């Protein structure tokens, strides 16, 4: 394929993506907005952060946030790839953006990881990660699927288990860094 044809193909693909995004946003705004599922998605964004603000280990706040910001970046990238390649979708969500579920990636999962990090901080990270990944992949995700906030298309919960385990271990590793010195 020559360069100019490639540019035209990318332009056509971008138009199709934009059309798809408009369809998804229209469904969110005109069909899902203010439904009980939408309110669950909103609460999944707000409530975890309120709980974290109340129950966090205050002297470790910056360390915990740093660790989960790394996880948010990684999980958003993985999430975008999964949606882009048609492995899963997020039909009902609080914020009308086609690809990412902010309720899960930017709230529920990071806060759960921070709670797991601060609870028994010297406990075995593999056991804690397996527990978190198991609960998330085999209980949380099927529950989200039952209320139409998650739809697996060409995916298995076991794949998510290993991704969540990996993300937890990354967060654990970053939380143990000794490079947090005053400026």
N, C-alpha and C. Protein backbone atom coordinates (compact mmCIF):
# COMPACT_ATOMS: atom_id res chain seq x y z
N UNK A 1 0.85 -1.17 0.00
CA UNK A 1 0.00 0.00 0.00
C UNK A 1 0.90 1.23 0.00
N UNK A 2 0.56 2.15 -0.80
CA UNK A 2 1.36 3.39 -0.86
C UNK A 2 0.95 4.32 0.27
N UNK A 3 1.81 5.28 0.55
CA UNK A 3 1.67 6.19 1.68
C UNK A 3 0.34 6.96 1.64
N UNK A 4 0.00 7.54 0.52
CA UNK A 4 -1.23 8.35 0.41
C UNK A 4 -2.48 7.49 0.64
N UNK A 5 -2.46 6.25 0.13
CA UNK A 5 -3.59 5.35 0.36
C UNK A 5 -3.70 5.03 1.85
N UNK A 6 -2.56 4.85 2.49
CA UNK A 6 -2.55 4.61 3.93
C UNK A 6 -3.16 5.77 4.70
N UNK A 7 -2.82 7.00 4.31
CA UNK A 7 -3.40 8.18 4.97
C UNK A 7 -4.91 8.22 4.79
N UNK A 8 -5.38 7.90 3.60
CA UNK A 8 -6.82 7.90 3.33
C UNK A 8 -7.52 6.80 4.15
N UNK A 9 -6.87 5.66 4.28
CA UNK A 9 -7.43 4.56 5.06
C UNK A 9 -7.52 4.95 6.53
N UNK A 10 -6.48 5.59 7.05
CA UNK A 10 -6.50 6.05 8.44
C UNK A 10 -7.61 7.09 8.64
N UNK A 11 -7.77 7.98 7.67
CA UNK A 11 -8.82 9.00 7.75
C UNK A 11 -10.20 8.33 7.80
N UNK A 12 -10.42 7.32 6.96
CA UNK A 12 -11.69 6.61 6.95
C UNK A 12 -11.90 5.88 8.27
N UNK A 13 -10.85 5.24 8.79
CA UNK A 13 -10.94 4.55 10.08
C UNK A 13 -11.26 5.51 11.21
N UNK A 14 -10.65 6.69 11.17
CA UNK A 14 -10.92 7.70 12.20
C UNK A 14 -12.38 8.14 12.15
N UNK A 15 -12.92 8.29 10.96
CA UNK A 15 -14.35 8.65 10.82
C UNK A 15 -15.23 7.55 11.39
N UNK A 16 -14.90 6.29 11.12
CA UNK A 16 -15.68 5.17 11.67
C UNK A 16 -15.61 5.15 13.20
N UNK A 17 -14.41 5.40 13.74
CA UNK A 17 -14.26 5.46 15.20
C UNK A 17 -15.11 6.59 15.77
N UNK A 18 -15.05 7.76 15.14
CA UNK A 18 -15.85 8.89 15.60
C UNK A 18 -17.34 8.56 15.55
N UNK A 19 -17.79 7.92 14.48
CA UNK A 19 -19.19 7.53 14.38
C UNK A 19 -19.56 6.55 15.50
N UNK A 20 -18.69 5.59 15.76
CA UNK A 20 -18.93 4.64 16.85
C UNK A 20 -18.98 5.32 18.20
N UNK A 21 -18.06 6.25 18.42
CA UNK A 21 -18.06 7.00 19.69
C UNK A 21 -19.36 7.80 19.86
N UNK A 22 -19.84 8.39 18.77
CA UNK A 22 -21.10 9.15 18.85
C UNK A 22 -22.26 8.22 19.18
N UNK A 23 -22.29 7.02 18.61
CA UNK A 23 -23.34 6.06 18.93
C UNK A 23 -23.31 5.68 20.41
N UNK A 24 -22.12 5.40 20.91
CA UNK A 24 -21.97 5.01 22.31
C UNK A 24 -22.36 6.16 23.23
N UNK A 25 -21.87 7.36 22.94
CA UNK A 25 -22.21 8.51 23.77
C UNK A 25 -23.70 8.79 23.75
N UNK A 26 -24.33 8.64 22.58
CA UNK A 26 -25.76 8.84 22.47
C UNK A 26 -26.52 7.84 23.35
N UNK A 27 -26.09 6.59 23.33
CA UNK A 27 -26.74 5.56 24.17
C UNK A 27 -26.57 5.89 25.65
N UNK A 28 -25.37 6.30 26.03
CA UNK A 28 -25.14 6.62 27.44
C UNK A 28 -26.01 7.79 27.88
N UNK A 29 -26.05 8.83 27.08
CA UNK A 29 -26.79 10.04 27.45
C UNK A 29 -28.30 9.83 27.34
N UNK A 30 -28.77 9.14 26.31
CA UNK A 30 -30.21 9.04 26.07
C UNK A 30 -30.87 7.76 26.59
N UNK A 31 -30.09 6.73 26.89
CA UNK A 31 -30.69 5.48 27.36
C UNK A 31 -30.26 5.12 28.78
N UNK A 32 -29.03 5.42 29.14
CA UNK A 32 -28.51 4.95 30.42
C UNK A 32 -28.49 6.00 31.52
N UNK A 33 -28.39 7.27 31.15
CA UNK A 33 -28.25 8.35 32.13
C UNK A 33 -29.40 8.31 33.15
N UNK A 34 -29.03 8.31 34.42
CA UNK A 34 -29.94 8.31 35.57
C UNK A 34 -30.65 6.99 35.79
N UNK A 35 -30.27 5.92 35.08
CA UNK A 35 -30.80 4.59 35.42
C UNK A 35 -30.09 4.12 36.68
N UNK A 36 -30.60 3.07 37.31
CA UNK A 36 -29.96 2.60 38.53
C UNK A 36 -28.54 2.11 38.25
N UNK A 37 -28.30 1.54 37.06
CA UNK A 37 -26.94 1.11 36.71
C UNK A 37 -26.00 2.30 36.60
N UNK A 38 -26.50 3.40 36.03
CA UNK A 38 -25.69 4.61 35.92
C UNK A 38 -25.34 5.13 37.31
N UNK A 39 -26.31 5.11 38.22
CA UNK A 39 -26.04 5.56 39.59
C UNK A 39 -25.03 4.65 40.28
N UNK A 40 -25.09 3.36 40.02
CA UNK A 40 -24.08 2.45 40.57
C UNK A 40 -22.70 2.84 40.05
N UNK A 41 -22.60 3.14 38.75
CA UNK A 41 -21.32 3.55 38.17
C UNK A 41 -20.82 4.85 38.81
N UNK A 42 -21.72 5.79 39.05
CA UNK A 42 -21.33 7.05 39.70
C UNK A 42 -20.84 6.77 41.12
N UNK A 43 -21.58 5.95 41.85
CA UNK A 43 -21.17 5.62 43.22
C UNK A 43 -19.83 4.88 43.24
N UNK A 44 -19.59 4.06 42.21
CA UNK A 44 -18.31 3.34 42.13
C UNK A 44 -17.14 4.30 41.91
N UNK A 45 -17.41 5.50 41.41
CA UNK A 45 -16.37 6.51 41.26
C UNK A 45 -16.16 7.26 42.57
N UNK A 46 -17.24 7.61 43.25
CA UNK A 46 -17.16 8.50 44.41
C UNK A 46 -16.88 7.77 45.72
N UNK A 47 -17.64 6.72 46.01
CA UNK A 47 -17.58 6.06 47.32
C UNK A 47 -16.18 5.50 47.65
N UNK A 48 -15.50 4.80 46.73
CA UNK A 48 -14.18 4.29 47.10
C UNK A 48 -13.22 5.39 47.56
N UNK A 49 -13.23 6.54 46.88
CA UNK A 49 -12.31 7.63 47.27
C UNK A 49 -12.70 8.24 48.61
N UNK A 50 -14.00 8.30 48.91
CA UNK A 50 -14.43 8.78 50.23
C UNK A 50 -13.95 7.82 51.31
N UNK A 51 -14.14 6.52 51.07
CA UNK A 51 -13.68 5.51 52.03
C UNK A 51 -12.16 5.58 52.20
N UNK A 52 -11.45 5.77 51.10
CA UNK A 52 -9.99 5.89 51.21
C UNK A 52 -9.60 7.12 52.01
N UNK A 53 -10.28 8.24 51.79
CA UNK A 53 -9.97 9.47 52.53
C UNK A 53 -10.18 9.27 54.03
N UNK A 54 -11.16 8.46 54.38
CA UNK A 54 -11.45 8.22 55.80
C UNK A 54 -10.50 7.20 56.41
N UNK A 55 -10.25 6.10 55.71
CA UNK A 55 -9.54 4.96 56.29
C UNK A 55 -8.09 4.81 55.86
N UNK A 56 -7.57 5.73 55.09
CA UNK A 56 -6.20 5.56 54.59
C UNK A 56 -5.19 5.74 55.72
N UNK A 57 -4.05 5.18 55.50
CA UNK A 57 -2.93 5.38 56.40
C UNK A 57 -2.31 6.73 55.99
N UNK A 58 -2.62 7.77 56.73
CA UNK A 58 -2.29 9.13 56.33
C UNK A 58 -0.81 9.38 56.06
N UNK A 59 0.04 8.80 56.87
CA UNK A 59 1.47 9.03 56.67
C UNK A 59 2.02 8.33 55.43
N UNK A 60 1.21 7.45 54.83
CA UNK A 60 1.63 6.75 53.62
C UNK A 60 0.84 7.17 52.39
N UNK A 61 0.07 8.23 52.49
CA UNK A 61 -0.82 8.64 51.40
C UNK A 61 -0.08 8.85 50.09
N UNK A 62 1.02 9.60 50.13
CA UNK A 62 1.75 9.90 48.89
C UNK A 62 2.32 8.62 48.27
N UNK A 63 2.86 7.75 49.09
CA UNK A 63 3.44 6.49 48.60
C UNK A 63 2.35 5.63 47.95
N UNK A 64 1.20 5.53 48.62
CA UNK A 64 0.10 4.73 48.09
C UNK A 64 -0.42 5.32 46.78
N UNK A 65 -0.61 6.64 46.75
CA UNK A 65 -1.11 7.28 45.53
C UNK A 65 -0.12 7.11 44.38
N UNK A 66 1.16 7.27 44.65
CA UNK A 66 2.17 7.07 43.61
C UNK A 66 2.06 5.66 43.03
N UNK A 67 1.93 4.68 43.91
CA UNK A 67 1.84 3.28 43.46
C UNK A 67 0.63 3.04 42.58
N UNK A 68 -0.52 3.59 42.98
CA UNK A 68 -1.72 3.32 42.16
C UNK A 68 -1.80 4.21 40.93
N UNK A 69 -1.11 5.34 40.93
CA UNK A 69 -1.08 6.13 39.68
C UNK A 69 -0.34 5.34 38.60
N UNK A 70 0.70 4.63 38.98
CA UNK A 70 1.40 3.76 38.03
C UNK A 70 0.43 2.68 37.53
N UNK A 71 -0.33 2.10 38.46
CA UNK A 71 -1.31 1.07 38.10
C UNK A 71 -2.38 1.65 37.18
N UNK A 72 -2.84 2.88 37.46
CA UNK A 72 -3.85 3.50 36.60
C UNK A 72 -3.34 3.66 35.18
N UNK A 73 -2.10 4.06 35.04
CA UNK A 73 -1.51 4.22 33.70
C UNK A 73 -1.45 2.87 32.99
N UNK A 74 -0.94 1.86 33.68
CA UNK A 74 -0.85 0.53 33.08
C UNK A 74 -2.22 -0.04 32.75
N UNK A 75 -3.16 0.05 33.70
CA UNK A 75 -4.46 -0.56 33.47
C UNK A 75 -5.26 0.18 32.41
N UNK A 76 -5.07 1.49 32.31
CA UNK A 76 -5.75 2.24 31.26
C UNK A 76 -5.23 1.82 29.89
N UNK A 77 -3.94 1.61 29.80
CA UNK A 77 -3.35 1.15 28.54
C UNK A 77 -3.87 -0.24 28.17
N UNK A 78 -3.86 -1.14 29.14
CA UNK A 78 -4.37 -2.50 28.91
C UNK A 78 -5.85 -2.45 28.55
N UNK A 79 -6.60 -1.63 29.28
CA UNK A 79 -8.03 -1.50 29.04
C UNK A 79 -8.32 -0.97 27.63
N UNK A 80 -7.59 0.05 27.24
CA UNK A 80 -7.79 0.62 25.90
C UNK A 80 -7.49 -0.42 24.82
N UNK A 81 -6.44 -1.21 25.02
CA UNK A 81 -6.12 -2.26 24.05
C UNK A 81 -7.22 -3.32 23.99
N UNK A 82 -7.72 -3.71 25.17
CA UNK A 82 -8.78 -4.72 25.21
C UNK A 82 -10.04 -4.27 24.51
N UNK A 83 -10.43 -3.02 24.75
CA UNK A 83 -11.62 -2.49 24.08
C UNK A 83 -11.37 -2.33 22.59
N UNK A 84 -10.19 -1.78 22.26
CA UNK A 84 -9.86 -1.55 20.85
C UNK A 84 -9.86 -2.84 20.04
N UNK A 85 -9.38 -3.93 20.65
CA UNK A 85 -9.31 -5.20 19.93
C UNK A 85 -10.55 -6.07 20.16
N UNK A 86 -11.59 -5.49 20.75
CA UNK A 86 -12.87 -6.17 20.86
C UNK A 86 -12.90 -7.33 21.84
N UNK A 87 -12.09 -7.27 22.88
CA UNK A 87 -12.09 -8.35 23.87
C UNK A 87 -13.15 -8.13 24.95
N UNK A 88 -13.45 -6.87 25.25
CA UNK A 88 -14.49 -6.54 26.21
C UNK A 88 -14.99 -5.14 25.92
N UNK A 89 -16.10 -4.79 26.56
CA UNK A 89 -16.69 -3.46 26.38
C UNK A 89 -17.32 -3.04 27.71
N UNK A 90 -17.61 -1.76 27.80
CA UNK A 90 -18.28 -1.19 28.97
C UNK A 90 -19.56 -0.51 28.50
N UNK A 91 -20.67 -1.26 28.42
CA UNK A 91 -21.90 -0.68 27.89
C UNK A 91 -22.43 0.49 28.73
N UNK A 92 -22.69 0.27 30.01
CA UNK A 92 -23.22 1.32 30.87
C UNK A 92 -22.07 1.87 31.71
N UNK A 93 -21.90 3.18 31.64
CA UNK A 93 -20.84 3.82 32.43
C UNK A 93 -21.26 5.21 32.80
N UNK A 94 -20.61 5.78 33.80
CA UNK A 94 -20.99 7.09 34.33
C UNK A 94 -20.59 8.23 33.40
N UNK A 95 -19.44 8.13 32.80
CA UNK A 95 -18.91 9.20 31.97
C UNK A 95 -18.97 8.74 30.51
N UNK A 96 -19.60 9.52 29.64
CA UNK A 96 -19.81 9.07 28.26
C UNK A 96 -18.56 9.19 27.38
N UNK A 97 -17.59 8.35 27.68
CA UNK A 97 -16.40 8.23 26.85
C UNK A 97 -16.35 6.77 26.42
N UNK A 98 -16.20 6.54 25.15
CA UNK A 98 -16.45 5.22 24.57
C UNK A 98 -15.60 4.09 25.13
N UNK A 99 -14.36 4.31 25.43
CA UNK A 99 -13.50 3.16 25.70
C UNK A 99 -13.35 2.78 27.17
N UNK A 100 -13.16 3.70 28.06
CA UNK A 100 -12.72 3.38 29.42
C UNK A 100 -13.86 3.46 30.43
N UNK A 101 -13.83 2.55 31.39
CA UNK A 101 -14.74 2.62 32.53
C UNK A 101 -14.01 3.33 33.66
N UNK A 102 -14.34 4.58 33.87
CA UNK A 102 -13.68 5.34 34.94
C UNK A 102 -14.03 4.78 36.31
N UNK A 103 -15.22 4.21 36.46
CA UNK A 103 -15.64 3.66 37.74
C UNK A 103 -14.67 2.58 38.21
N UNK A 104 -14.26 1.76 37.28
CA UNK A 104 -13.42 0.62 37.64
C UNK A 104 -11.94 0.98 37.63
N UNK A 105 -11.45 1.58 36.56
CA UNK A 105 -10.02 1.82 36.39
C UNK A 105 -9.47 2.97 37.22
N UNK A 106 -10.29 4.00 37.48
CA UNK A 106 -9.78 5.18 38.18
C UNK A 106 -10.32 5.32 39.58
N UNK A 107 -11.10 4.36 40.03
CA UNK A 107 -11.64 4.49 41.37
C UNK A 107 -11.61 3.16 42.11
N UNK A 108 -12.48 2.25 41.74
CA UNK A 108 -12.64 1.02 42.50
C UNK A 108 -11.33 0.21 42.59
N UNK A 109 -10.71 -0.09 41.47
CA UNK A 109 -9.50 -0.91 41.50
C UNK A 109 -8.34 -0.21 42.22
N UNK A 110 -8.02 1.05 41.92
CA UNK A 110 -6.91 1.69 42.63
C UNK A 110 -7.13 1.76 44.15
N UNK A 111 -8.35 2.06 44.56
CA UNK A 111 -8.61 2.15 46.00
C UNK A 111 -8.51 0.78 46.65
N UNK A 112 -9.04 -0.25 46.00
CA UNK A 112 -8.88 -1.61 46.53
C UNK A 112 -7.41 -1.97 46.66
N UNK A 113 -6.63 -1.64 45.65
CA UNK A 113 -5.20 -1.93 45.71
C UNK A 113 -4.55 -1.20 46.88
N UNK A 114 -4.90 0.07 47.09
CA UNK A 114 -4.30 0.82 48.21
C UNK A 114 -4.68 0.20 49.55
N UNK A 115 -5.93 -0.23 49.69
CA UNK A 115 -6.33 -0.89 50.94
C UNK A 115 -5.55 -2.20 51.13
N UNK A 116 -5.39 -2.95 50.08
CA UNK A 116 -4.62 -4.20 50.18
C UNK A 116 -3.16 -3.91 50.51
N UNK A 117 -2.61 -2.84 49.95
CA UNK A 117 -1.21 -2.49 50.25
C UNK A 117 -1.03 -2.10 51.71
N UNK A 118 -1.97 -1.33 52.24
CA UNK A 118 -1.78 -0.83 53.60
C UNK A 118 -2.21 -1.83 54.67
N UNK A 119 -3.03 -2.81 54.32
CA UNK A 119 -3.42 -3.84 55.28
C UNK A 119 -2.34 -4.92 55.32
N UNK A 120 -1.80 -5.15 56.49
CA UNK A 120 -0.69 -6.09 56.67
C UNK A 120 0.39 -5.83 55.63
N UNK A 121 1.04 -4.67 55.69
CA UNK A 121 2.01 -4.29 54.65
C UNK A 121 3.20 -5.24 54.52
N UNK A 122 3.47 -6.04 55.54
CA UNK A 122 4.57 -6.99 55.45
C UNK A 122 4.10 -8.40 55.12
N UNK A 123 2.80 -8.53 54.81
CA UNK A 123 2.27 -9.83 54.42
C UNK A 123 2.78 -10.22 53.04
N UNK A 124 2.60 -11.47 52.71
CA UNK A 124 3.05 -11.99 51.42
C UNK A 124 2.29 -11.31 50.28
N UNK A 125 2.99 -10.56 49.42
CA UNK A 125 2.30 -9.85 48.35
C UNK A 125 1.64 -10.78 47.33
N UNK A 126 2.17 -11.97 47.15
CA UNK A 126 1.56 -12.91 46.20
C UNK A 126 0.21 -13.39 46.72
N UNK A 127 0.13 -13.69 48.00
CA UNK A 127 -1.14 -14.14 48.59
C UNK A 127 -2.16 -13.01 48.53
N UNK A 128 -1.74 -11.80 48.90
CA UNK A 128 -2.64 -10.66 48.86
C UNK A 128 -3.07 -10.38 47.41
N UNK A 129 -2.15 -10.46 46.47
CA UNK A 129 -2.47 -10.24 45.06
C UNK A 129 -3.42 -11.29 44.52
N UNK A 130 -3.19 -12.54 44.89
CA UNK A 130 -4.08 -13.62 44.45
C UNK A 130 -5.48 -13.42 45.02
N UNK A 131 -5.56 -13.01 46.27
CA UNK A 131 -6.86 -12.76 46.88
C UNK A 131 -7.60 -11.61 46.16
N UNK A 132 -6.89 -10.51 45.94
CA UNK A 132 -7.49 -9.36 45.24
C UNK A 132 -7.89 -9.75 43.81
N UNK A 133 -7.00 -10.40 43.10
CA UNK A 133 -7.28 -10.79 41.71
C UNK A 133 -8.43 -11.78 41.64
N UNK A 134 -8.48 -12.72 42.56
CA UNK A 134 -9.56 -13.70 42.58
C UNK A 134 -10.91 -13.05 42.84
N UNK A 135 -10.96 -12.17 43.84
CA UNK A 135 -12.21 -11.48 44.15
C UNK A 135 -12.64 -10.60 42.98
N UNK A 136 -11.68 -9.90 42.39
CA UNK A 136 -12.01 -8.97 41.31
C UNK A 136 -12.44 -9.70 40.04
N UNK A 137 -11.66 -10.71 39.65
CA UNK A 137 -11.91 -11.38 38.37
C UNK A 137 -13.09 -12.34 38.43
N UNK A 138 -13.25 -13.05 39.57
CA UNK A 138 -14.27 -14.10 39.61
C UNK A 138 -15.54 -13.71 40.36
N UNK A 139 -15.52 -12.59 41.07
CA UNK A 139 -16.73 -12.11 41.75
C UNK A 139 -17.12 -10.73 41.21
N UNK A 140 -16.20 -9.77 41.26
CA UNK A 140 -16.50 -8.40 40.86
C UNK A 140 -16.86 -8.26 39.39
N UNK A 141 -16.06 -8.83 38.52
CA UNK A 141 -16.32 -8.68 37.08
C UNK A 141 -17.61 -9.39 36.65
N UNK A 142 -17.89 -10.61 37.12
CA UNK A 142 -19.19 -11.21 36.78
C UNK A 142 -20.38 -10.38 37.31
N UNK A 143 -20.21 -9.78 38.49
CA UNK A 143 -21.28 -8.92 39.01
C UNK A 143 -21.46 -7.69 38.13
N UNK A 144 -20.35 -7.11 37.69
CA UNK A 144 -20.44 -5.96 36.78
C UNK A 144 -21.08 -6.38 35.45
N UNK A 145 -20.80 -7.59 35.01
CA UNK A 145 -21.42 -8.09 33.77
C UNK A 145 -22.92 -8.28 33.95
N UNK A 146 -23.34 -8.73 35.12
CA UNK A 146 -24.77 -8.95 35.37
C UNK A 146 -25.56 -7.65 35.32
N UNK A 147 -24.93 -6.53 35.66
CA UNK A 147 -25.65 -5.25 35.63
C UNK A 147 -25.24 -4.41 34.41
N UNK A 148 -24.66 -5.05 33.42
CA UNK A 148 -24.34 -4.44 32.12
C UNK A 148 -23.31 -3.32 32.18
N UNK A 149 -22.41 -3.38 33.17
CA UNK A 149 -21.33 -2.40 33.23
C UNK A 149 -20.05 -2.96 32.61
N UNK A 150 -20.07 -4.25 32.31
CA UNK A 150 -18.92 -4.92 31.71
C UNK A 150 -19.47 -6.02 30.81
N UNK A 151 -18.86 -6.15 29.65
CA UNK A 151 -19.25 -7.22 28.73
C UNK A 151 -17.99 -7.85 28.17
N UNK A 152 -17.75 -9.10 28.53
CA UNK A 152 -16.61 -9.78 27.94
C UNK A 152 -17.05 -10.36 26.61
N UNK A 153 -16.21 -10.14 25.61
CA UNK A 153 -16.56 -10.54 24.26
C UNK A 153 -15.72 -11.75 23.83
N UNK A 154 -14.44 -11.58 23.81
CA UNK A 154 -13.53 -12.66 23.45
C UNK A 154 -12.47 -12.71 24.54
N UNK A 155 -12.91 -13.06 25.75
CA UNK A 155 -12.07 -12.92 26.92
C UNK A 155 -12.49 -13.92 27.98
N UNK A 156 -11.59 -14.28 28.86
CA UNK A 156 -11.89 -15.15 29.99
C UNK A 156 -11.54 -14.43 31.28
N UNK A 157 -12.32 -14.66 32.32
CA UNK A 157 -12.04 -14.02 33.60
C UNK A 157 -10.65 -14.38 34.12
N UNK A 158 -10.16 -15.55 33.75
CA UNK A 158 -8.82 -15.96 34.18
C UNK A 158 -7.74 -15.03 33.64
N UNK A 159 -7.92 -14.53 32.42
CA UNK A 159 -6.96 -13.56 31.89
C UNK A 159 -6.95 -12.31 32.77
N UNK A 160 -8.14 -11.87 33.15
CA UNK A 160 -8.23 -10.69 34.02
C UNK A 160 -7.58 -10.97 35.38
N UNK A 161 -7.74 -12.19 35.87
CA UNK A 161 -7.11 -12.57 37.13
C UNK A 161 -5.61 -12.30 37.07
N UNK A 162 -4.97 -12.76 36.01
CA UNK A 162 -3.51 -12.59 35.91
C UNK A 162 -3.11 -11.13 35.69
N UNK A 163 -3.93 -10.38 34.98
CA UNK A 163 -3.64 -8.95 34.79
C UNK A 163 -3.75 -8.22 36.12
N UNK A 164 -4.81 -8.49 36.88
CA UNK A 164 -4.99 -7.82 38.17
C UNK A 164 -3.90 -8.23 39.14
N UNK A 165 -3.51 -9.48 39.14
CA UNK A 165 -2.40 -9.94 39.98
C UNK A 165 -1.12 -9.18 39.61
N UNK A 166 -0.85 -9.07 38.32
CA UNK A 166 0.32 -8.32 37.85
C UNK A 166 0.25 -6.87 38.32
N UNK A 167 -0.91 -6.23 38.16
CA UNK A 167 -1.06 -4.83 38.56
C UNK A 167 -0.84 -4.66 40.06
N UNK A 168 -1.36 -5.59 40.85
CA UNK A 168 -1.14 -5.51 42.30
C UNK A 168 0.34 -5.64 42.64
N UNK A 169 1.01 -6.59 42.02
CA UNK A 169 2.43 -6.79 42.30
C UNK A 169 3.26 -5.58 41.87
N UNK A 170 2.90 -4.93 40.79
CA UNK A 170 3.57 -3.70 40.36
C UNK A 170 3.36 -2.62 41.43
N UNK A 171 2.12 -2.47 41.87
CA UNK A 171 1.82 -1.46 42.91
C UNK A 171 2.59 -1.77 44.18
N UNK A 172 2.64 -3.03 44.55
CA UNK A 172 3.39 -3.42 45.75
C UNK A 172 4.87 -3.07 45.60
N UNK A 173 5.43 -3.39 44.45
CA UNK A 173 6.85 -3.10 44.22
C UNK A 173 7.11 -1.60 44.34
N UNK A 174 6.28 -0.78 43.70
CA UNK A 174 6.48 0.67 43.77
C UNK A 174 6.24 1.20 45.18
N UNK A 175 5.35 0.58 45.92
CA UNK A 175 5.08 1.06 47.28
C UNK A 175 6.24 0.79 48.23
N UNK A 176 7.10 -0.12 47.87
CA UNK A 176 8.24 -0.47 48.74
C UNK A 176 9.53 0.29 48.38
N UNK A 177 9.47 1.16 47.38
CA UNK A 177 10.68 1.92 46.99
C UNK A 177 11.09 2.84 48.13
N UNK A 178 12.38 2.99 48.27
CA UNK A 178 12.95 3.83 49.33
C UNK A 178 13.33 5.22 48.81
N UNK A 179 12.84 5.59 47.65
CA UNK A 179 13.28 6.85 47.03
C UNK A 179 12.38 8.04 47.40
N UNK A 180 11.56 7.91 48.42
CA UNK A 180 10.69 9.01 48.84
C UNK A 180 11.41 9.84 49.90
N UNK A 181 12.29 10.69 49.47
CA UNK A 181 13.00 11.59 50.37
C UNK A 181 12.49 13.01 50.18
N UNK A 182 12.61 13.85 51.18
CA UNK A 182 12.18 15.25 51.02
C UNK A 182 12.98 15.94 49.91
N UNK A 183 12.35 16.90 49.25
CA UNK A 183 13.02 17.67 48.20
C UNK A 183 14.02 18.63 48.82
